[in-house]
Structures are given as structure tokens and as C-alpha cells.
Amino acid sequence: MKHFFLTVLLLGCINIAHAQLDVTTGYTAMQLAEELVGTGIEIVGAELDCPTLASGLFDCIDCNLGIDSGFVLTTGRATNAEGPNNSGSLGYNNGTSGDPDLNALPGVGTTYDACVLEIDIIPECDTVSFDYAFGSEEYNEFVGSINDAFAFWISGPGIVGAVNIALIPGTTLPVTIDNVNLTSYSMFYNNNTGVPAGDPYYIQYDGFTTVLTAISAVIPGETYHLKLAIGDEADHIYDSGVFLRANSLSTTVSASFTFPETGFGTGSLFCTTGTDPEPEFGADGVPGVFSA
């Protein structure tokens, strides 16, 4: 009987350990870039301007973040993102400056404790996208007074200046505390307060967004510069962080064409992330399709 109870206890511990956010720190800019980039993207350079221990890799299996693994950039300590949410005011003051591009975002003032990752890439196809979720200890009590922010700028051929593509869906609004919360675009927000210490999210932040997707048109074979930045606004105190899905920075394209061979109809050419490498051609009278 003692053996039975011990087995049950051990199984319970295994389940608890499995369903949680685990963060490890100490990675280089290139290691973080390689974690983000999927197939169809060549990395040609990476640079990290971020306080020590403010960035890291994470695993979040079954913890309801919506992202199983990837890397996190924060304004304090990356490990502070680990749950459960047993504090409404956790933060670490890195004592560092903010980022001028974050300062220039609509509704954002002077920032501090910025964590910035810059990557140069060459895409194989004509569209790039990535998945992310933004969270913060500033929620919910400091909405309207403290506006921590995240942005993802892309610049290069065919793009005028540097364009922030990390926006609230269907808007031109950047992802900040004031723009997505309990009352503004709440369909993209998860409230993580007022729950027991064993909350289902297993995340310390008092609130975080649903998984959002940023997307931009690019020219295949050209070099593009990406800048990911997060910062505290107005003070150095409570932490904010952004979780980026592993291998989600990928490329896609679609273009119409006509088969020159007799017996094939018109079709489309799809350049995907390489999950379907075999070509498929339509039969006579059926649109031809090629997947690569």
C-alpha cells in the first residue's frame, strides 16, 4: 500500500513539473536568432543589446501560454517569468537605458531596461512571419499610467524606413500595456490575476496576450534587418517580457502560372517552409499545383 501511494505521489510530481514555464539564460545573439528562425530563412548576422540574464530560452509545455518553446526577452530577469503567479509586483531593476525607437512609438514615453535583439536575414520567399506573446507585471493596476512596450521592426529592399510589424490585429497600434488589456482589445488578452498560486498558466506575469502573428512582404534573396525590442516605460521597476515561438520566423509565397505541357491546366506555385518537398501536378482538366 505504501508503494502504491508513493507511485501516485511521484506521478503527480511529474505532471506538475511537466506543466510549467522553464527558462534558462546565458545564450548568445546567434543562439537566440537560430531558435527563432525556421526553414526558408538564412541568418547572416545577429547582435544582442540586453542586460545580463534578461533573455533566455524557454519551454512551456501544457502551461497555456500557447507557445511550447522559444526564447524570451525581458526588462528584468528572464527567470522572473516563471510561475506560478505568486506576486503582483515582481521585477528587477537592471539600471540600464531604454531604446529610442521604443520611445518614438505612439503613446510610449521614455523607456528603460531595454532588451534588443537585431538579426540580418535573407528570405527565400516573398513573405516573412513570426508568432509571439507579450506579458507584464504592470497588468492590471498600471494600465493607463505605465506603458511598457514591445516592437519588431523590419527594414530592407521594398520597405520604406523601418516598419513595426508587431501590431494588435486589425489595427496600426503597437503592442503595449495601454493598447491591449482587460478593456482594450481584450479578445487578445489573458488575465492572470485573482487566481490561486497553482494557476493554470504557470506564468508569473499578471497578464499576457494571446499568441499574435506579425507578417511582412519581402523580396526573395534580398537582405533584411530585423530589430526586436522590449522596454519598461516611465520606470525600471516591474518586469515585462515577450515570448517568441521557436522556428516561427519563416517564409511563404504564392504565384500563379500556366503549365506549358499539353494536358495540364493552370495552377499555382507555392513556396512554403519546406514541409511538402514533393511536387504535385494536377491531372488533365484539373488545375496543376506545385508545392516546394
C-alpha atoms as a PDB file:
ATOM      1  CA  MET A   1       0.000   0.000   0.000  1.00  0.00           C
ATOM      2  CA  LYS A   2       2.882   2.389   0.790  1.00  0.00           C
ATOM      3  CA  HIS A   3       4.356   1.619  -2.614  1.00  0.00           C
ATOM      4  CA  PHE A   4       1.020   2.495  -4.275  1.00  0.00           C
ATOM      5  CA  PHE A   5       0.805   5.891  -2.558  1.00  0.00           C
ATOM      6  CA  LEU A   6       4.451   6.646  -3.403  1.00  0.00           C
ATOM      7  CA  THR A   7       3.787   5.880  -7.065  1.00  0.00           C
ATOM      8  CA  VAL A   8       0.770   8.195  -7.149  1.00  0.00           C
ATOM      9  CA  LEU A   9       2.774  10.946  -5.451  1.00  0.00           C
ATOM     10  CA  LEU A  10       5.637  10.614  -7.925  1.00  0.00           C
ATOM     11  CA  LEU A  11       3.266  10.696 -10.885  1.00  0.00           C
ATOM     12  CA  GLY A  12       1.705  13.860  -9.509  1.00  0.00           C
ATOM     13  CA  CYS A  13       5.131  15.474  -9.200  1.00  0.00           C
ATOM     14  CA  ILE A  14       5.971  14.507 -12.779  1.00  0.00           C
ATOM     15  CA  ASN A  15       2.771  16.116 -14.062  1.00  0.00           C
ATOM     16  CA  ILE A  16       3.412  19.314 -12.116  1.00  0.00           C
ATOM     17  CA  ALA A  17       6.992  19.517 -13.384  1.00  0.00           C
ATOM     18  CA  HIS A  18       5.823  18.983 -16.945  1.00  0.00           C
ATOM     19  CA  ALA A  19       3.181  21.717 -16.993  1.00  0.00           C
ATOM     20  CA  GLN A  20       5.253  24.778 -16.186  1.00  0.00           C
ATOM     21  CA  LEU A  21       7.355  27.522 -17.720  1.00  0.00           C
ATOM     22  CA  ASP A  22      11.089  26.791 -17.543  1.00  0.00           C
ATOM     23  CA  VAL A  23      13.601  29.491 -18.527  1.00  0.00           C
ATOM     24  CA  THR A  24      17.366  29.170 -18.953  1.00  0.00           C
ATOM     25  CA  THR A  25      19.712  32.117 -19.547  1.00  0.00           C
ATOM     26  CA  GLY A  26      23.215  32.719 -20.896  1.00  0.00           C
ATOM     27  CA  TYR A  27      22.700  32.480 -24.665  1.00  0.00           C
ATOM     28  CA  THR A  28      24.368  34.488 -27.428  1.00  0.00           C
ATOM     29  CA  ALA A  29      22.619  36.604 -30.044  1.00  0.00           C
ATOM     30  CA  MET A  30      23.191  33.942 -32.694  1.00  0.00           C
ATOM     31  CA  GLN A  31      21.777  31.198 -30.467  1.00  0.00           C
ATOM     32  CA  LEU A  32      18.602  33.222 -29.897  1.00  0.00           C
ATOM     33  CA  ALA A  33      18.332  34.008 -33.611  1.00  0.00           C
ATOM     34  CA  GLU A  34      18.736  30.344 -34.521  1.00  0.00           C
ATOM     35  CA  GLU A  35      15.957  29.471 -32.055  1.00  0.00           C
ATOM     36  CA  LEU A  36      13.562  31.881 -33.793  1.00  0.00           C
ATOM     37  CA  VAL A  37      14.382  31.170 -37.423  1.00  0.00           C
ATOM     38  CA  GLY A  38      12.723  28.321 -39.312  1.00  0.00           C
ATOM     39  CA  THR A  39      13.318  26.963 -42.788  1.00  0.00           C
ATOM     40  CA  GLY A  40      13.475  29.309 -45.735  1.00  0.00           C
ATOM     41  CA  ILE A  41      15.475  31.916 -43.797  1.00  0.00           C
ATOM     42  CA  GLU A  42      19.256  32.395 -43.837  1.00  0.00           C
ATOM     43  CA  ILE A  43      20.798  34.249 -40.885  1.00  0.00           C
ATOM     44  CA  VAL A  44      23.701  36.490 -41.901  1.00  0.00           C
ATOM     45  CA  GLY A  45      24.229  38.288 -38.600  1.00  0.00           C
ATOM     46  CA  ALA A  46      22.867  38.818 -35.076  1.00  0.00           C
ATOM     47  CA  GLU A  47      23.528  41.244 -32.230  1.00  0.00           C
ATOM     48  CA  LEU A  48      22.142  41.321 -28.685  1.00  0.00           C
ATOM     49  CA  ASP A  49      21.991  44.523 -26.612  1.00  0.00           C
ATOM     50  CA  CYS A  50      20.349  43.291 -23.439  1.00  0.00           C
ATOM     51  CA  PRO A  51      21.191  43.224 -19.723  1.00  0.00           C
ATOM     52  CA  THR A  52      22.759  40.038 -18.436  1.00  0.00           C
ATOM     53  CA  LEU A  53      20.120  37.435 -17.525  1.00  0.00           C
ATOM     54  CA  ALA A  54      17.281  39.403 -19.183  1.00  0.00           C
ATOM     55  CA  SER A  55      16.974  36.970 -22.110  1.00  0.00           C
ATOM     56  CA  GLY A  56      16.860  33.206 -22.433  1.00  0.00           C
ATOM     57  CA  LEU A  57      15.334  30.101 -23.938  1.00  0.00           C
ATOM     58  CA  PHE A  58      12.122  28.642 -22.542  1.00  0.00           C
ATOM     59  CA  ASP A  59       9.947  25.545 -22.577  1.00  0.00           C
ATOM     60  CA  CYS A  60       6.267  25.893 -21.728  1.00  0.00           C
ATOM     61  CA  ILE A  61       4.599  22.550 -22.424  1.00  0.00           C
ATOM     62  CA  ASP A  62       0.936  22.435 -21.316  1.00  0.00           C
ATOM     63  CA  CYS A  63       1.120  25.767 -19.474  1.00  0.00           C
ATOM     64  CA  ASN A  64      -1.484  27.583 -21.615  1.00  0.00           C
ATOM     65  CA  LEU A  65       0.850  30.259 -22.938  1.00  0.00           C
ATOM     66  CA  GLY A  66       0.076  28.938 -26.406  1.00  0.00           C
ATOM     67  CA  ILE A  67       3.773  28.611 -27.270  1.00  0.00           C
ATOM     68  CA  ASP A  68       5.575  25.398 -26.350  1.00  0.00           C
ATOM     69  CA  SER A  69       9.141  26.685 -26.705  1.00  0.00           C
ATOM     70  CA  GLY A  70      11.268  29.543 -27.975  1.00  0.00           C
ATOM     71  CA  PHE A  71      13.093  32.471 -26.438  1.00  0.00           C
ATOM     72  CA  VAL A  72      12.080  35.335 -24.170  1.00  0.00           C
ATOM     73  CA  LEU A  73      13.297  38.933 -23.982  1.00  0.00           C
ATOM     74  CA  THR A  74      12.505  40.803 -20.750  1.00  0.00           C
ATOM     75  CA  THR A  75      13.027  44.119 -18.994  1.00  0.00           C
ATOM     76  CA  GLY A  76      14.293  42.463 -15.815  1.00  0.00           C
ATOM     77  CA  ARG A  77      15.262  38.853 -15.174  1.00  0.00           C
ATOM     78  CA  ALA A  78      14.129  36.253 -17.699  1.00  0.00           C
ATOM     79  CA  THR A  79      13.621  33.688 -14.938  1.00  0.00           C
ATOM     80  CA  ASN A  80      11.125  36.049 -13.251  1.00  0.00           C
ATOM     81  CA  ALA A  81       8.643  34.973 -15.924  1.00  0.00           C
ATOM     82  CA  GLU A  82       8.436  31.517 -14.368  1.00  0.00           C
ATOM     83  CA  GLY A  83       5.262  30.864 -12.430  1.00  0.00           C
ATOM     84  CA  PRO A  84       3.087  30.362 -10.672  1.00  0.00           C
ATOM     85  CA  ASN A  85       1.841  33.929 -10.263  1.00  0.00           C
ATOM     86  CA  ASN A  86       2.553  34.355  -6.567  1.00  0.00           C
ATOM     87  CA  SER A  87       3.410  38.064  -6.724  1.00  0.00           C
ATOM     88  CA  GLY A  88       1.668  41.059  -8.242  1.00  0.00           C
ATOM     89  CA  SER A  89       4.803  43.179  -8.287  1.00  0.00           C
ATOM     90  CA  LEU A  90       7.816  41.103  -9.283  1.00  0.00           C
ATOM     91  CA  GLY A  91      10.568  42.992 -11.031  1.00  0.00           C
ATOM     92  CA  TYR A  92      14.293  43.552 -11.348  1.00  0.00           C
ATOM     93  CA  ASN A  93      15.934  46.916 -11.954  1.00  0.00           C
ATOM     94  CA  ASN A  94      18.741  46.440 -14.465  1.00  0.00           C
ATOM     95  CA  GLY A  95      19.588  50.136 -14.223  1.00  0.00           C
ATOM     96  CA  THR A  96      20.062  50.413 -17.981  1.00  0.00           C
ATOM     97  CA  SER A  97      18.747  52.786 -20.618  1.00  0.00           C
ATOM     98  CA  GLY A  98      15.805  52.304 -22.942  1.00  0.00           C
ATOM     99  CA  ASP A  99      15.594  52.318 -26.724  1.00  0.00           C
ATOM    100  CA  PRO A 100      14.990  55.430 -28.881  1.00  0.00           C
ATOM    101  CA  ASP A 101      12.798  53.539 -31.338  1.00  0.00           C
ATOM    102  CA  LEU A 102      10.575  52.315 -28.495  1.00  0.00           C
ATOM    103  CA  ASN A 103      10.415  55.878 -27.165  1.00  0.00           C
ATOM    104  CA  ALA A 104       9.060  57.007 -30.544  1.00  0.00           C
ATOM    105  CA  LEU A 105       6.121  54.570 -30.562  1.00  0.00           C
ATOM    106  CA  PRO A 106       2.674  56.207 -30.282  1.00  0.00           C
ATOM    107  CA  GLY A 107       1.674  56.566 -26.623  1.00  0.00           C
ATOM    108  CA  VAL A 108       5.072  55.500 -25.273  1.00  0.00           C
ATOM    109  CA  GLY A 109       7.346  57.865 -23.353  1.00  0.00           C
ATOM    110  CA  THR A 110      10.880  57.361 -22.099  1.00  0.00           C
ATOM    111  CA  THR A 111      11.833  53.701 -21.757  1.00  0.00           C
ATOM    112  CA  TYR A 112      14.347  51.904 -19.558  1.00  0.00           C
ATOM    113  CA  ASP A 113      15.901  48.441 -19.200  1.00  0.00           C
ATOM    114  CA  ALA A 114      15.542  47.745 -22.925  1.00  0.00           C
ATOM    115  CA  CYS A 115      16.382  44.306 -24.280  1.00  0.00           C
ATOM    116  CA  VAL A 116      17.111  44.386 -28.017  1.00  0.00           C
ATOM    117  CA  LEU A 117      17.906  41.589 -30.473  1.00  0.00           C
ATOM    118  CA  GLU A 118      18.851  42.517 -34.051  1.00  0.00           C
ATOM    119  CA  ILE A 119      19.055  39.953 -36.844  1.00  0.00           C
ATOM    120  CA  ASP A 120      20.007  40.197 -40.520  1.00  0.00           C
ATOM    121  CA  ILE A 121      18.293  37.610 -42.713  1.00  0.00           C
ATOM    122  CA  ILE A 122      17.889  36.553 -46.330  1.00  0.00           C
ATOM    123  CA  PRO A 123      14.419  35.057 -47.040  1.00  0.00           C
ATOM    124  CA  GLU A 124      13.846  32.508 -49.791  1.00  0.00           C
ATOM    125  CA  CYS A 125      10.230  33.529 -50.401  1.00  0.00           C
ATOM    126  CA  ASP A 126       8.161  36.719 -50.537  1.00  0.00           C
ATOM    127  CA  THR A 127       6.577  36.828 -47.060  1.00  0.00           C
ATOM    128  CA  VAL A 128       8.017  36.504 -43.550  1.00  0.00           C
ATOM    129  CA  SER A 129       6.059  35.986 -40.333  1.00  0.00           C
ATOM    130  CA  PHE A 130       6.574  35.018 -36.688  1.00  0.00           C
ATOM    131  CA  ASP A 131       4.495  34.256 -33.561  1.00  0.00           C
ATOM    132  CA  TYR A 132       4.820  35.895 -30.159  1.00  0.00           C
ATOM    133  CA  ALA A 133       3.055  36.706 -26.870  1.00  0.00           C
ATOM    134  CA  PHE A 134       3.645  39.777 -24.675  1.00  0.00           C
ATOM    135  CA  GLY A 135       3.255  39.689 -20.884  1.00  0.00           C
ATOM    136  CA  SER A 136       3.821  42.013 -17.948  1.00  0.00           C
ATOM    137  CA  GLU A 137       3.683  42.532 -14.203  1.00  0.00           C
ATOM    138  CA  GLU A 138       2.345  46.051 -14.924  1.00  0.00           C
ATOM    139  CA  TYR A 139      -1.078  44.483 -15.600  1.00  0.00           C
ATOM    140  CA  ASN A 140      -3.735  45.267 -14.496  1.00  0.00           C
ATOM    141  CA  GLU A 141      -3.216  48.041 -11.961  1.00  0.00           C
ATOM    142  CA  PHE A 142      -0.921  50.249 -14.057  1.00  0.00           C
ATOM    143  CA  VAL A 143      -2.886  50.313 -17.310  1.00  0.00           C
ATOM    144  CA  GLY A 144      -3.162  53.979 -18.258  1.00  0.00           C
ATOM    145  CA  SER A 145      -0.101  55.078 -16.304  1.00  0.00           C
ATOM    146  CA  ILE A 146       2.807  52.750 -17.178  1.00  0.00           C
ATOM    147  CA  ASN A 147       3.060  51.717 -20.825  1.00  0.00           C
ATOM    148  CA  ASP A 148       5.736  49.029 -21.273  1.00  0.00           C
ATOM    149  CA  ALA A 149       6.070  48.117 -24.937  1.00  0.00           C
ATOM    150  CA  PHE A 150       7.322  45.579 -27.472  1.00  0.00           C
ATOM    151  CA  ALA A 151       8.068  46.163 -31.155  1.00  0.00           C
ATOM    152  CA  PHE A 152       9.510  44.257 -34.127  1.00  0.00           C
ATOM    153  CA  TRP A 153      10.882  46.440 -36.894  1.00  0.00           C
ATOM    154  CA  ILE A 154      11.841  45.236 -40.354  1.00  0.00           C
ATOM    155  CA  SER A 155      13.805  47.240 -42.921  1.00  0.00           C
ATOM    156  CA  GLY A 156      15.284  46.453 -46.315  1.00  0.00           C
ATOM    157  CA  PRO A 157      14.519  46.442 -50.057  1.00  0.00           C
ATOM    158  CA  GLY A 158      10.920  47.362 -50.868  1.00  0.00           C
ATOM    159  CA  ILE A 159      10.266  48.722 -47.355  1.00  0.00           C
ATOM    160  CA  VAL A 160      10.345  52.457 -46.643  1.00  0.00           C
ATOM    161  CA  GLY A 161      12.303  53.038 -43.454  1.00  0.00           C
ATOM    162  CA  ALA A 162      11.904  50.628 -40.541  1.00  0.00           C
ATOM    163  CA  VAL A 163       8.344  49.341 -40.101  1.00  0.00           C
ATOM    164  CA  ASN A 164       6.973  47.902 -36.847  1.00  0.00           C
ATOM    165  CA  ILE A 165       5.023  44.752 -37.729  1.00  0.00           C
ATOM    166  CA  ALA A 166       4.209  43.733 -34.131  1.00  0.00           C
ATOM    167  CA  LEU A 167       0.726  45.239 -34.050  1.00  0.00           C
ATOM    168  CA  ILE A 168      -2.602  44.482 -32.423  1.00  0.00           C
ATOM    169  CA  PRO A 169      -4.506  42.512 -35.114  1.00  0.00           C
ATOM    170  CA  GLY A 170      -6.580  44.660 -37.449  1.00  0.00           C
ATOM    171  CA  THR A 171      -5.029  47.907 -36.216  1.00  0.00           C
ATOM    172  CA  THR A 172      -1.905  50.032 -36.542  1.00  0.00           C
ATOM    173  CA  LEU A 173      -1.445  50.058 -32.750  1.00  0.00           C
ATOM    174  CA  PRO A 174       1.798  48.774 -31.223  1.00  0.00           C
ATOM    175  CA  VAL A 175       1.707  46.082 -28.554  1.00  0.00           C
ATOM    176  CA  THR A 176       1.789  47.956 -25.238  1.00  0.00           C
ATOM    177  CA  ILE A 177       0.181  47.800 -21.795  1.00  0.00           C
ATOM    178  CA  ASP A 178      -2.296  50.546 -22.660  1.00  0.00           C
ATOM    179  CA  ASN A 179      -3.291  49.105 -26.037  1.00  0.00           C
ATOM    180  CA  VAL A 180      -4.137  45.523 -25.060  1.00  0.00           C
ATOM    181  CA  ASN A 181      -5.608  44.773 -21.632  1.00  0.00           C
ATOM    182  CA  LEU A 182      -8.875  43.970 -19.835  1.00  0.00           C
ATOM    183  CA  THR A 183     -10.787  46.782 -21.556  1.00  0.00           C
ATOM    184  CA  SER A 184      -8.860  47.440 -24.793  1.00  0.00           C
ATOM    185  CA  TYR A 185      -8.778  44.632 -27.370  1.00  0.00           C
ATOM    186  CA  SER A 186      -9.489  42.210 -24.544  1.00  0.00           C
ATOM    187  CA  MET A 187     -10.055  39.383 -27.041  1.00  0.00           C
ATOM    188  CA  PHE A 188      -6.265  39.280 -27.363  1.00  0.00           C
ATOM    189  CA  TYR A 189      -5.616  39.371 -23.600  1.00  0.00           C
ATOM    190  CA  ASN A 190      -5.333  36.760 -20.823  1.00  0.00           C
ATOM    191  CA  ASN A 191      -5.907  37.984 -17.256  1.00  0.00           C
ATOM    192  CA  ASN A 192      -3.604  36.082 -14.901  1.00  0.00           C
ATOM    193  CA  THR A 193      -4.612  37.753 -11.617  1.00  0.00           C
ATOM    194  CA  GLY A 194      -7.071  36.682  -8.945  1.00  0.00           C
ATOM    195  CA  VAL A 195      -6.183  33.027  -9.375  1.00  0.00           C
ATOM    196  CA  PRO A 196      -4.661  30.564  -6.899  1.00  0.00           C
ATOM    197  CA  ALA A 197      -0.898  30.163  -6.717  1.00  0.00           C
ATOM    198  CA  GLY A 198      -1.312  26.975  -8.752  1.00  0.00           C
ATOM    199  CA  ASP A 199      -2.932  28.903 -11.612  1.00  0.00           C
ATOM    200  CA  PRO A 200      -3.389  27.119 -14.959  1.00  0.00           C
ATOM    201  CA  TYR A 201      -0.980  29.433 -16.778  1.00  0.00           C
ATOM    202  CA  TYR A 202       2.125  28.679 -14.697  1.00  0.00           C
ATOM    203  CA  ILE A 203       3.410  32.158 -15.568  1.00  0.00           C
ATOM    204  CA  GLN A 204       4.381  34.925 -13.150  1.00  0.00           C
ATOM    205  CA  TYR A 205       3.162  37.848 -15.242  1.00  0.00           C
ATOM    206  CA  ASP A 206      -0.197  39.282 -14.149  1.00  0.00           C
ATOM    207  CA  GLY A 207      -1.412  39.377 -17.742  1.00  0.00           C
ATOM    208  CA  PHE A 208      -0.298  38.373 -21.213  1.00  0.00           C
ATOM    209  CA  THR A 209      -1.593  38.450 -24.752  1.00  0.00           C
ATOM    210  CA  THR A 210      -2.866  35.592 -26.808  1.00  0.00           C
ATOM    211  CA  VAL A 211      -0.409  34.363 -29.428  1.00  0.00           C
ATOM    212  CA  LEU A 212      -0.121  37.083 -32.064  1.00  0.00           C
ATOM    213  CA  THR A 213       1.404  36.847 -35.547  1.00  0.00           C
ATOM    214  CA  ALA A 214       3.472  39.525 -37.273  1.00  0.00           C
ATOM    215  CA  ILE A 215       3.825  39.417 -41.058  1.00  0.00           C
ATOM    216  CA  SER A 216       5.618  41.395 -43.777  1.00  0.00           C
ATOM    217  CA  ALA A 217       6.157  41.227 -47.522  1.00  0.00           C
ATOM    218  CA  VAL A 218       9.789  40.859 -48.623  1.00  0.00           C
ATOM    219  CA  ILE A 219      11.792  40.265 -51.798  1.00  0.00           C
ATOM    220  CA  PRO A 220      13.288  36.757 -52.022  1.00  0.00           C
ATOM    221  CA  GLY A 221      17.077  36.679 -51.927  1.00  0.00           C
ATOM    222  CA  GLU A 222      17.475  40.193 -50.512  1.00  0.00           C
ATOM    223  CA  THR A 223      18.904  41.062 -47.089  1.00  0.00           C
ATOM    224  CA  TYR A 224      16.583  42.419 -44.377  1.00  0.00           C
ATOM    225  CA  HIS A 225      17.315  43.839 -40.947  1.00  0.00           C
ATOM    226  CA  LEU A 226      15.081  42.843 -38.025  1.00  0.00           C
ATOM    227  CA  LYS A 227      15.001  44.589 -34.663  1.00  0.00           C
ATOM    228  CA  LEU A 228      13.117  43.147 -31.693  1.00  0.00           C
ATOM    229  CA  ALA A 229      12.915  45.396 -28.638  1.00  0.00           C
ATOM    230  CA  ILE A 230      11.100  45.466 -25.306  1.00  0.00           C
ATOM    231  CA  GLY A 231      11.362  48.130 -22.616  1.00  0.00           C
ATOM    232  CA  ASP A 232       9.971  49.441 -19.338  1.00  0.00           C
ATOM    233  CA  GLU A 233       8.200  52.766 -19.753  1.00  0.00           C
ATOM    234  CA  ALA A 234       8.452  55.535 -17.143  1.00  0.00           C
ATOM    235  CA  ASP A 235      10.410  53.461 -14.577  1.00  0.00           C
ATOM    236  CA  HIS A 236      12.719  50.480 -14.079  1.00  0.00           C
ATOM    237  CA  ILE A 237      10.501  48.553 -11.700  1.00  0.00           C
ATOM    238  CA  TYR A 238       8.088  45.780 -12.744  1.00  0.00           C
ATOM    239  CA  ASP A 239       9.097  43.244 -15.400  1.00  0.00           C
ATOM    240  CA  SER A 240       7.628  42.768 -18.857  1.00  0.00           C
ATOM    241  CA  GLY A 241       8.572  40.070 -21.349  1.00  0.00           C
ATOM    242  CA  VAL A 242       7.910  38.832 -24.857  1.00  0.00           C
ATOM    243  CA  PHE A 243       7.860  35.136 -25.763  1.00  0.00           C
ATOM    244  CA  LEU A 244       8.762  34.238 -29.354  1.00  0.00           C
ATOM    245  CA  ARG A 245       7.837  30.855 -30.772  1.00  0.00           C
ATOM    246  CA  ALA A 246      10.728  28.625 -31.818  1.00  0.00           C
ATOM    247  CA  ASN A 247      11.227  28.295 -35.590  1.00  0.00           C
ATOM    248  CA  SER A 248       8.261  30.583 -36.295  1.00  0.00           C
ATOM    249  CA  LEU A 249      10.184  33.165 -38.329  1.00  0.00           C
ATOM    250  CA  SER A 250       9.502  31.556 -41.688  1.00  0.00           C
ATOM    251  CA  THR A 251       8.716  32.391 -45.313  1.00  0.00           C
ATOM    252  CA  THR A 252       5.789  31.767 -47.681  1.00  0.00           C
ATOM    253  CA  VAL A 253       4.875  32.757 -51.240  1.00  0.00           C
ATOM    254  CA  SER A 254       2.194  32.004 -53.808  1.00  0.00           C
ATOM    255  CA  ALA A 255       2.207  32.870 -57.520  1.00  0.00           C
ATOM    256  CA  SER A 256       0.000  31.894 -60.459  1.00  0.00           C
ATOM    257  CA  PHE A 257       1.439  30.243 -63.563  1.00  0.00           C
ATOM    258  CA  THR A 258       0.401  28.083 -66.518  1.00  0.00           C
ATOM    259  CA  PHE A 259       1.831  24.639 -67.263  1.00  0.00           C
ATOM    260  CA  PRO A 260       3.438  24.629 -70.722  1.00  0.00           C
ATOM    261  CA  GLU A 261       2.799  20.915 -71.229  1.00  0.00           C
ATOM    262  CA  THR A 262      -0.323  19.707 -73.020  1.00  0.00           C
ATOM    263  CA  GLY A 263      -2.749  18.009 -70.680  1.00  0.00           C
ATOM    264  CA  PHE A 264      -2.300  20.251 -67.661  1.00  0.00           C
ATOM    265  CA  GLY A 265      -4.470  23.162 -66.606  1.00  0.00           C
ATOM    266  CA  THR A 266      -3.458  26.427 -64.992  1.00  0.00           C
ATOM    267  CA  GLY A 267      -2.237  26.285 -61.434  1.00  0.00           C
ATOM    268  CA  SER A 268      -0.298  27.942 -58.639  1.00  0.00           C
ATOM    269  CA  LEU A 269       3.248  27.790 -57.363  1.00  0.00           C
ATOM    270  CA  PHE A 270       3.616  27.660 -53.587  1.00  0.00           C
ATOM    271  CA  CYS A 271       6.890  28.329 -51.776  1.00  0.00           C
ATOM    272  CA  THR A 272       6.316  27.173 -48.205  1.00  0.00           C
ATOM    273  CA  THR A 273       8.554  26.335 -45.273  1.00  0.00           C
ATOM    274  CA  GLY A 274       9.565  23.084 -46.901  1.00  0.00           C
ATOM    275  CA  THR A 275       7.119  20.740 -45.193  1.00  0.00           C
ATOM    276  CA  ASP A 276       5.900  19.377 -48.550  1.00  0.00           C
ATOM    277  CA  PRO A 277       9.013  18.975 -50.724  1.00  0.00           C
ATOM    278  CA  GLU A 278       7.459  16.724 -53.376  1.00  0.00           C
ATOM    279  CA  PRO A 279       5.872  18.358 -56.460  1.00  0.00           C
ATOM    280  CA  GLU A 280       2.237  17.562 -57.211  1.00  0.00           C
ATOM    281  CA  PHE A 281       0.731  18.133 -60.678  1.00  0.00           C
ATOM    282  CA  GLY A 282      -2.957  18.195 -61.475  1.00  0.00           C
ATOM    283  CA  ALA A 283      -4.459  15.718 -63.950  1.00  0.00           C
ATOM    284  CA  ASP A 284      -5.964  16.744 -67.286  1.00  0.00           C
ATOM    285  CA  GLY A 285      -8.680  19.328 -66.721  1.00  0.00           C
ATOM    286  CA  VAL A 286      -7.647  19.904 -63.087  1.00  0.00           C
ATOM    287  CA  PRO A 287      -5.544  22.921 -62.057  1.00  0.00           C
ATOM    288  CA  GLY A 288      -1.887  21.950 -61.744  1.00  0.00           C
ATOM    289  CA  VAL A 289      -0.251  22.524 -58.395  1.00  0.00           C
ATOM    290  CA  PHE A 290       3.395  22.502 -57.405  1.00  0.00           C
ATOM    291  CA  SER A 291       4.454  22.550 -53.759  1.00  0.00           C
ATOM    292  CA  ALA A 292       8.009  23.246 -52.629  1.00  0.00           C
END
